[in-house]
């Protein structure tokens, strides 16, 4: 079996485009992967094709060789877009290998330890506030978030739909309505200094209180602070979160010891590392005991490297949660990772979605009572429906 062609497809997903890689072989077996050019990753498609050109004629089932060759070719610029591009190629080749053997990808990883995966509702309320123009039936039937009462209603919806956990991002409510707070990504006030204020702390507590009022004590909560604060602000918010008994408070820092200092300052569990690429970059955080939960993205690292990272975390007695903030194939791929690692914590899923998102897969996945049912078909368990992709062209 040999690789004969690399193709890419993109489709509109509401707040951003979803992109897919299709790898075709001379025997007609096709492998799929997902990647994402949003949020500063323009040019990733070209990089994937550049790496792919050197693999035409190679056997896609020889995953170890392809992984080693791609790493060697990108050694001097590893991480960032290089890791994203390698991951797409590796994941598509794994899909091919599993299909050629007639087994799910997780069988190549040692088999499934569990057939149901606890999940949490990610970006809960945040998407409905930041992209309010898509909700209220304009594209998505769910109600937009404009007030704290709306947050309470979303909390009730989480509970009524059977989810046991949710994760949100900070939204500040004032006379102008809802204002997502994301200075770490250069959006709005607060950038680039990333200082904290009493207004932010008060808004943080108010939002968690509203979610608790709506969802009730049976739904556990998480908050993702991203890159939006310096360690001083992270420590203040971690202490403010202690009465809410969070599953974790999530944050991103590129200094392992600073992150460890935040963890040492609070009883609130700390999760991080979604933005860390590869086991070599992961190790300093583990050496410094910087996190309670290591978050790993299979779409960004590739399944082979993600499994290595999870194994390394396990040797430090650290459990792993998936990072998955993209399209439906990425969610499906993430489930193979989560069901195969022993030190699994919980799986991320985006519940708010454009109506055609689930139709992008030839076989939609199933979430029931807050649990994800692992796929059972060969490869990832589903392919991309190219007709649905073409029906919803990507937007600039």
Protein backbone atom coordinates (compact mmCIF):
# COMPACT_ATOMS: atom_id res chain seq x y z
CA UNK A 1 0.00 0.00 0.00
CA UNK A 2 1.29 3.46 -0.93
CA UNK A 3 0.19 7.05 -0.39
CA UNK A 4 -0.84 8.66 -3.68
CA UNK A 5 -2.60 11.91 -2.72
CA UNK A 6 -3.14 14.51 0.00
CA UNK A 7 -6.29 16.67 -0.15
CA UNK A 8 -7.73 19.28 2.20
CA UNK A 9 -11.32 20.36 2.80
CA UNK A 10 -12.68 23.26 4.85
CA UNK A 11 -16.19 24.08 5.99
CA UNK A 12 -17.90 26.82 7.98
CA UNK A 13 -18.43 25.87 11.61
CA UNK A 14 -20.05 29.00 13.02
CA UNK A 15 -17.33 30.67 15.10
CA UNK A 16 -14.53 29.27 12.95
CA UNK A 17 -13.86 27.00 10.02
CA UNK A 18 -13.18 23.27 10.37
CA UNK A 19 -10.51 21.75 8.13
CA UNK A 20 -9.93 18.12 7.23
CA UNK A 21 -7.05 16.20 5.67
CA UNK A 22 -7.81 13.30 3.31
CA UNK A 23 -5.00 10.86 2.49
CA UNK A 24 -5.67 8.44 -0.36
CA UNK A 25 -3.76 5.22 -1.08
CA UNK A 26 -3.25 3.19 -4.25
CA UNK A 27 -5.48 0.47 -2.77
CA UNK A 28 -8.38 2.86 -2.26
CA UNK A 29 -8.12 2.99 1.53
CA UNK A 30 -8.65 6.57 2.74
CA UNK A 31 -7.51 8.17 5.97
CA UNK A 32 -8.96 11.29 7.57
CA UNK A 33 -7.67 13.80 10.10
CA UNK A 34 -8.74 17.23 11.31
CA UNK A 35 -6.69 20.41 11.66
CA UNK A 36 -7.50 24.05 12.28
CA UNK A 37 -6.19 27.24 10.70
CA UNK A 38 -8.10 29.57 13.02
CA UNK A 39 -6.57 31.62 15.84
CA UNK A 40 -3.25 32.56 14.26
CA UNK A 41 -2.59 29.36 12.33
CA UNK A 42 -2.95 30.62 8.75
CA UNK A 43 -0.63 28.73 6.43
CA UNK A 44 -1.07 25.37 8.15
CA UNK A 45 -2.69 23.83 5.06
CA UNK A 46 0.35 24.66 2.95
CA UNK A 47 2.68 23.22 5.56
CA UNK A 48 0.73 19.96 5.68
CA UNK A 49 1.01 19.61 1.90
CA UNK A 50 4.71 20.46 2.05
CA UNK A 51 5.33 17.62 4.50
CA UNK A 52 3.03 15.34 2.56
CA UNK A 53 4.92 15.75 -0.71
CA UNK A 54 7.84 13.80 0.74
CA UNK A 55 5.56 10.93 1.75
CA UNK A 56 4.04 10.19 -1.66
CA UNK A 57 4.87 6.56 -2.39
CA UNK A 58 5.41 5.68 1.29
CA UNK A 59 3.42 2.97 3.05
CA UNK A 60 1.06 4.86 5.42
CA UNK A 61 0.87 1.85 7.72
CA UNK A 62 4.51 2.28 8.76
CA UNK A 63 3.58 4.83 11.42
CA UNK A 64 6.84 4.64 13.35
CA UNK A 65 8.92 5.44 10.27
CA UNK A 66 6.69 8.31 9.16
CA UNK A 67 6.70 9.77 12.69
CA UNK A 68 10.50 9.58 12.90
CA UNK A 69 11.01 11.06 9.43
CA UNK A 70 8.64 13.97 10.03
CA UNK A 71 10.24 14.79 13.38
CA UNK A 72 13.72 14.72 11.83
CA UNK A 73 12.60 17.06 9.05
CA UNK A 74 11.14 19.56 11.52
CA UNK A 75 13.63 19.17 14.38
CA UNK A 76 15.05 22.68 14.09
CA UNK A 77 11.59 24.31 14.19
CA UNK A 78 9.63 21.80 16.24
CA UNK A 79 6.41 22.85 17.96
CA UNK A 80 3.77 25.30 16.81
CA UNK A 81 2.57 24.86 13.25
CA UNK A 82 5.11 22.09 12.62
CA UNK A 83 3.52 19.96 15.33
CA UNK A 84 0.02 20.72 14.04
CA UNK A 85 1.01 19.65 10.53
CA UNK A 86 2.77 16.47 11.64
CA UNK A 87 -0.21 15.58 13.80
CA UNK A 88 -2.64 15.77 10.88
CA UNK A 89 -0.47 13.48 8.75
CA UNK A 90 0.10 10.94 11.52
CA UNK A 91 -3.57 10.83 12.50
CA UNK A 92 -4.70 10.26 8.91
CA UNK A 93 -2.15 7.45 8.51
CA UNK A 94 -3.40 5.80 11.71
CA UNK A 95 -6.92 5.87 10.28
CA UNK A 96 -5.64 4.09 7.17
CA UNK A 97 -3.74 1.45 9.13
CA UNK A 98 -6.70 0.66 11.38
CA UNK A 99 -9.06 0.44 8.40
CA UNK A 100 -6.67 -1.88 6.58
CA UNK A 101 -6.78 -4.19 9.61
CA UNK A 102 -10.54 -3.77 10.10
CA UNK A 103 -10.21 -2.46 13.67
CA UNK A 104 -10.79 0.83 15.53
CA UNK A 105 -7.70 2.98 16.04
CA UNK A 106 -7.79 2.36 19.78
CA UNK A 107 -7.00 -1.30 19.12
CA UNK A 108 -3.64 -0.13 17.76
CA UNK A 109 -3.09 1.66 21.07
CA UNK A 110 -3.52 -1.47 23.18
CA UNK A 111 -7.30 -1.59 23.23
CA UNK A 112 -10.07 0.27 25.02
CA UNK A 113 -9.87 0.36 28.80
CA UNK A 114 -13.38 1.83 28.98
CA UNK A 115 -16.34 1.98 26.58
CA UNK A 116 -17.99 5.06 28.13
CA UNK A 117 -16.15 8.33 28.72
CA UNK A 118 -17.31 11.02 31.17
CA UNK A 119 -17.45 14.35 29.36
CA UNK A 120 -17.93 17.99 30.25
CA UNK A 121 -19.80 20.72 28.37
CA UNK A 122 -17.03 23.04 27.23
CA UNK A 123 -17.24 26.83 26.59
CA UNK A 124 -20.53 26.64 28.46
CA UNK A 125 -22.30 29.99 28.11
CA UNK A 126 -19.18 31.57 26.63
CA UNK A 127 -19.95 30.80 22.98
CA UNK A 128 -23.53 31.98 23.50
CA UNK A 129 -22.19 35.31 24.80
CA UNK A 130 -19.31 35.87 22.40
CA UNK A 131 -21.23 34.75 19.30
CA UNK A 132 -24.70 35.88 20.37
CA UNK A 133 -25.52 36.85 16.77
CA UNK A 134 -25.57 33.14 15.82
CA UNK A 135 -28.05 32.13 18.53
CA UNK A 136 -31.72 32.86 19.23
CA UNK A 137 -32.68 30.90 16.11
CA UNK A 138 -30.58 32.91 13.66
CA UNK A 139 -28.34 29.90 12.99
CA UNK A 140 -28.48 27.96 16.27
CA UNK A 141 -31.83 27.60 18.05
CA UNK A 142 -30.43 27.92 21.61
CA UNK A 143 -30.82 31.18 23.51
CA UNK A 144 -27.95 33.69 23.47
CA UNK A 145 -26.33 34.77 26.75
CA UNK A 146 -26.61 38.48 27.60
CA UNK A 147 -27.22 38.49 31.37
CA UNK A 148 -26.39 36.51 34.49
CA UNK A 149 -29.95 35.18 34.43
CA UNK A 150 -29.11 33.68 31.03
CA UNK A 151 -26.13 31.96 32.67
CA UNK A 152 -28.48 30.45 35.24
CA UNK A 153 -30.69 29.17 32.43
CA UNK A 154 -27.72 27.55 30.67
CA UNK A 155 -26.80 25.89 33.97
CA UNK A 156 -30.30 24.42 34.19
CA UNK A 157 -29.99 23.18 30.61
CA UNK A 158 -26.71 21.43 31.44
CA UNK A 159 -28.37 19.58 34.31
CA UNK A 160 -31.55 18.74 32.36
CA UNK A 161 -29.53 17.31 29.46
CA UNK A 162 -27.73 14.91 31.77
CA UNK A 163 -24.26 16.45 31.89
CA UNK A 164 -22.41 16.10 35.18
CA UNK A 165 -19.78 18.77 34.51
CA UNK A 166 -19.33 22.07 32.67
CA UNK A 167 -16.48 24.39 31.86
CA UNK A 168 -16.81 28.08 31.19
CA UNK A 169 -14.66 31.12 30.38
CA UNK A 170 -14.96 34.53 32.00
CA UNK A 171 -17.75 36.80 30.76
CA UNK A 172 -18.21 40.26 32.29
CA UNK A 173 -21.79 41.54 32.46
CA UNK A 174 -22.45 45.28 32.58
CA UNK A 175 -24.88 47.88 31.22
CA UNK A 176 -23.71 47.09 27.68
CA UNK A 177 -24.49 43.39 28.02
CA UNK A 178 -22.08 40.44 27.99
CA UNK A 179 -18.39 41.05 27.36
CA UNK A 180 -16.06 38.03 27.02
CA UNK A 181 -12.73 38.75 28.70
CA UNK A 182 -9.81 37.53 26.56
CA UNK A 183 -6.86 39.99 26.71
CA UNK A 184 -4.36 37.13 26.52
CA UNK A 185 -5.42 36.70 22.90
CA UNK A 186 -5.26 40.44 22.18
CA UNK A 187 -9.01 40.96 22.38
CA UNK A 188 -10.48 43.95 24.22
CA UNK A 189 -9.19 45.82 27.26
CA UNK A 190 -6.43 44.43 29.45
CA UNK A 191 -3.85 43.58 26.77
CA UNK A 192 -0.93 43.25 26.81
CA UNK A 193 -0.23 43.89 30.50
CA UNK A 194 -2.73 41.27 31.77
CA UNK A 195 -3.29 42.90 35.15
CA UNK A 196 -6.19 41.85 37.34
CA UNK A 197 -8.75 44.11 39.02
CA UNK A 198 -11.53 43.80 41.59
CA UNK A 199 -14.03 44.02 38.71
CA UNK A 200 -12.62 40.84 37.20
CA UNK A 201 -12.61 38.99 40.52
CA UNK A 202 -16.18 40.06 41.25
CA UNK A 203 -17.34 39.03 37.75
CA UNK A 204 -15.61 35.64 38.17
CA UNK A 205 -17.44 34.94 41.44
CA UNK A 206 -20.75 36.20 40.06
CA UNK A 207 -20.55 33.95 37.01
CA UNK A 208 -19.72 30.84 39.05
CA UNK A 209 -22.52 31.68 41.49
CA UNK A 210 -25.01 31.99 38.63
CA UNK A 211 -23.94 28.64 37.16
CA UNK A 212 -24.21 27.01 40.58
CA UNK A 213 -27.70 28.45 41.07
CA UNK A 214 -28.84 27.10 37.71
CA UNK A 215 -27.02 23.77 37.49
CA UNK A 216 -27.31 22.79 41.14
CA UNK A 217 -24.80 20.86 43.28
CA UNK A 218 -24.92 17.74 41.10
CA UNK A 219 -23.05 19.46 38.26
CA UNK A 220 -19.34 20.08 38.87
CA UNK A 221 -17.70 23.16 37.36
CA UNK A 222 -14.42 24.21 35.76
CA UNK A 223 -13.15 27.57 34.54
CA UNK A 224 -10.59 28.14 31.78
CA UNK A 225 -8.53 31.32 32.31
CA UNK A 226 -6.33 30.68 29.25
CA UNK A 227 -3.41 33.14 28.91
CA UNK A 228 -5.39 36.07 30.32
CA UNK A 229 -3.51 36.78 33.58
CA UNK A 230 -0.09 36.93 35.16
CA UNK A 231 0.62 34.57 38.10
CA UNK A 232 -0.54 37.22 40.57
CA UNK A 233 -4.00 37.29 39.01
CA UNK A 234 -4.14 33.52 38.68
CA UNK A 235 -3.43 33.12 42.41
CA UNK A 236 -6.18 35.59 43.30
CA UNK A 237 -8.75 33.82 41.14
CA UNK A 238 -7.70 30.40 42.42
CA UNK A 239 -8.35 31.51 45.99
CA UNK A 240 -11.67 33.08 44.99
CA UNK A 241 -12.69 29.76 43.40
CA UNK A 242 -12.07 27.66 46.52
CA UNK A 243 -15.66 27.82 47.88
CA UNK A 244 -17.01 26.42 44.60
CA UNK A 245 -15.11 23.10 44.81
CA UNK A 246 -14.13 23.18 41.13
CA UNK A 247 -12.97 20.07 39.30
CA UNK A 248 -10.14 22.34 38.22
CA UNK A 249 -9.12 25.88 37.42
CA UNK A 250 -7.42 25.92 34.03
CA UNK A 251 -4.69 28.32 32.91
CA UNK A 252 -1.74 28.62 30.57
CA UNK A 253 1.79 29.76 31.46
CA UNK A 254 5.05 29.09 29.65
CA UNK A 255 7.06 29.12 32.89
CA UNK A 256 6.76 25.80 34.78
CA UNK A 257 7.86 27.14 38.16
CA UNK A 258 5.41 30.06 37.99
CA UNK A 259 2.59 27.61 37.30
CA UNK A 260 3.75 25.43 40.19
CA UNK A 261 3.64 28.51 42.42
CA UNK A 262 -0.02 29.04 41.55
CA UNK A 263 -0.77 25.42 42.35
CA UNK A 264 1.04 25.64 45.69
CA UNK A 265 -0.96 28.74 46.67
CA UNK A 266 -4.43 27.18 46.61
CA UNK A 267 -6.55 24.15 47.37
CA UNK A 268 -8.24 24.53 43.96
CA UNK A 269 -6.92 21.83 41.57
CA UNK A 270 -4.92 23.27 38.67
CA UNK A 271 -5.09 22.01 35.07
CA UNK A 272 -2.91 23.19 32.20
CA UNK A 273 -0.55 22.25 29.35
CA UNK A 274 -2.91 22.16 26.36
CA UNK A 275 -0.55 24.59 24.61
CA UNK A 276 2.54 22.45 25.28
CA UNK A 277 3.75 20.41 22.32
CA UNK A 278 5.45 17.06 22.79
CA UNK A 279 6.91 15.15 25.69
CA UNK A 280 10.19 17.08 25.67
CA UNK A 281 8.35 20.31 26.43
CA UNK A 282 5.99 18.57 28.85
CA UNK A 283 8.66 17.18 31.13
CA UNK A 284 9.75 20.44 32.87
CA UNK A 285 6.16 20.98 34.04
CA UNK A 286 6.01 17.48 35.46
CA UNK A 287 9.42 17.83 37.09
CA UNK A 288 8.16 20.98 38.81
CA UNK A 289 4.86 19.33 39.85
CA UNK A 290 3.04 22.22 38.19
CA UNK A 291 -0.38 20.63 37.60
CA UNK A 292 -2.98 18.34 39.06
CA UNK A 293 -4.32 17.52 35.58
CA UNK A 294 -2.33 17.54 32.33
CA UNK A 295 -4.40 18.55 29.31
CA UNK A 296 -3.28 17.02 25.99
CA UNK A 297 -4.61 17.71 22.49
CA UNK A 298 -4.44 14.80 20.02
CA UNK A 299 -5.26 17.03 17.05
CA UNK A 300 -2.31 19.30 17.89
CA UNK A 301 0.25 16.64 18.89
CA UNK A 302 -0.84 13.61 16.89
CA UNK A 303 -1.93 10.34 18.47
CA UNK A 304 1.55 8.83 18.67
CA UNK A 305 3.07 11.75 20.58
CA UNK A 306 -0.08 12.27 22.67
CA UNK A 307 0.14 8.69 23.92
CA UNK A 308 3.80 9.23 24.85
CA UNK A 309 2.87 12.39 26.73
CA UNK A 310 0.09 10.61 28.63
CA UNK A 311 2.49 7.80 29.56
CA UNK A 312 5.03 10.32 30.84
CA UNK A 313 2.35 12.05 32.91
CA UNK A 314 1.32 8.70 34.35
CA UNK A 315 4.87 8.10 35.59
CA UNK A 316 4.48 11.31 37.65
CA UNK A 317 1.06 10.16 38.99
CA UNK A 318 -0.72 12.85 36.98
CA UNK A 319 -4.00 12.16 35.22
CA UNK A 320 -4.80 13.46 31.73
CA UNK A 321 -7.79 15.23 30.24
CA UNK A 322 -8.27 15.77 26.53
CA UNK A 323 -8.24 19.17 24.90
CA UNK A 324 -10.65 19.26 21.99
CA UNK A 325 -11.90 22.60 20.75
CA UNK A 326 -12.58 22.07 17.07
CA UNK A 327 -14.81 20.05 14.77
CA UNK A 328 -16.56 16.67 15.12
CA UNK A 329 -13.77 14.49 13.75
CA UNK A 330 -11.38 15.92 16.32
CA UNK A 331 -13.87 14.95 19.03
CA UNK A 332 -14.07 11.43 17.65
CA UNK A 333 -10.27 11.14 17.47
CA UNK A 334 -10.02 12.40 21.04
CA UNK A 335 -12.30 9.59 22.23
CA UNK A 336 -9.84 6.95 20.95
CA UNK A 337 -7.10 8.58 23.03
CA UNK A 338 -9.25 8.90 26.15
CA UNK A 339 -10.48 5.31 26.11
CA UNK A 340 -6.97 3.86 25.73
CA UNK A 341 -4.95 5.68 28.43
CA UNK A 342 -5.01 4.41 32.03
CA UNK A 343 -4.66 7.87 33.63
CA UNK A 344 -7.77 9.40 32.07
CA UNK A 345 -9.61 12.21 33.91
CA UNK A 346 -12.43 13.56 31.71
CA UNK A 347 -13.09 14.39 28.03
CA UNK A 348 -13.89 17.80 26.57
CA UNK A 349 -16.80 18.26 24.14
CA UNK A 350 -18.40 21.35 22.63
CA UNK A 351 -22.17 20.98 22.87
CA UNK A 352 -23.26 24.26 21.28
CA UNK A 353 -22.87 23.77 17.54
CA UNK A 354 -24.19 24.76 14.15
CA UNK A 355 -26.96 22.38 13.01
CA UNK A 356 -24.84 20.66 10.36
CA UNK A 357 -21.78 19.98 12.56
CA UNK A 358 -22.81 16.43 13.45
CA UNK A 359 -23.73 15.76 9.82
CA UNK A 360 -20.10 16.30 8.81
CA UNK A 361 -19.45 12.75 10.03
CA UNK A 362 -20.80 9.77 8.13
CA UNK A 363 -21.73 8.28 11.52
CA UNK A 364 -22.38 10.83 14.29
CA UNK A 365 -21.07 10.02 17.76
CA UNK A 366 -23.36 9.54 20.76
CA UNK A 367 -23.39 11.29 24.14
CA UNK A 368 -25.86 10.00 26.71
CA UNK A 369 -26.21 10.89 30.41
CA UNK A 370 -22.96 12.82 30.34
CA UNK A 371 -20.99 9.95 28.80
CA UNK A 372 -19.47 9.55 25.34
CA UNK A 373 -19.97 6.15 23.69
CA UNK A 374 -16.68 5.07 22.12
CA UNK A 375 -16.84 4.24 18.38
CA UNK A 376 -16.88 0.64 17.21
CA UNK A 377 -16.16 0.78 13.45
CA UNK A 378 -12.79 0.54 11.69
CA UNK A 379 -10.46 3.53 11.87
CA UNK A 380 -11.94 6.48 13.69
CA UNK A 381 -15.41 4.95 13.34
CA UNK A 382 -16.61 7.53 10.79
CA UNK A 383 -15.39 9.45 7.75
CA UNK A 384 -16.05 13.00 6.62
CA UNK A 385 -19.19 13.57 4.55
CA UNK A 386 -17.76 15.59 1.67
CA UNK A 387 -21.21 16.62 0.41
CA UNK A 388 -22.00 18.32 3.72
CA UNK A 389 -18.60 20.02 3.69
CA UNK A 390 -19.25 21.42 0.22
CA UNK A 391 -22.76 22.55 1.22
CA UNK A 392 -21.29 24.86 3.88
CA UNK A 393 -18.20 26.50 2.37
CA UNK A 394 -15.58 28.00 4.65
CA UNK A 395 -15.69 31.75 5.34
CA UNK A 396 -12.81 34.20 5.60
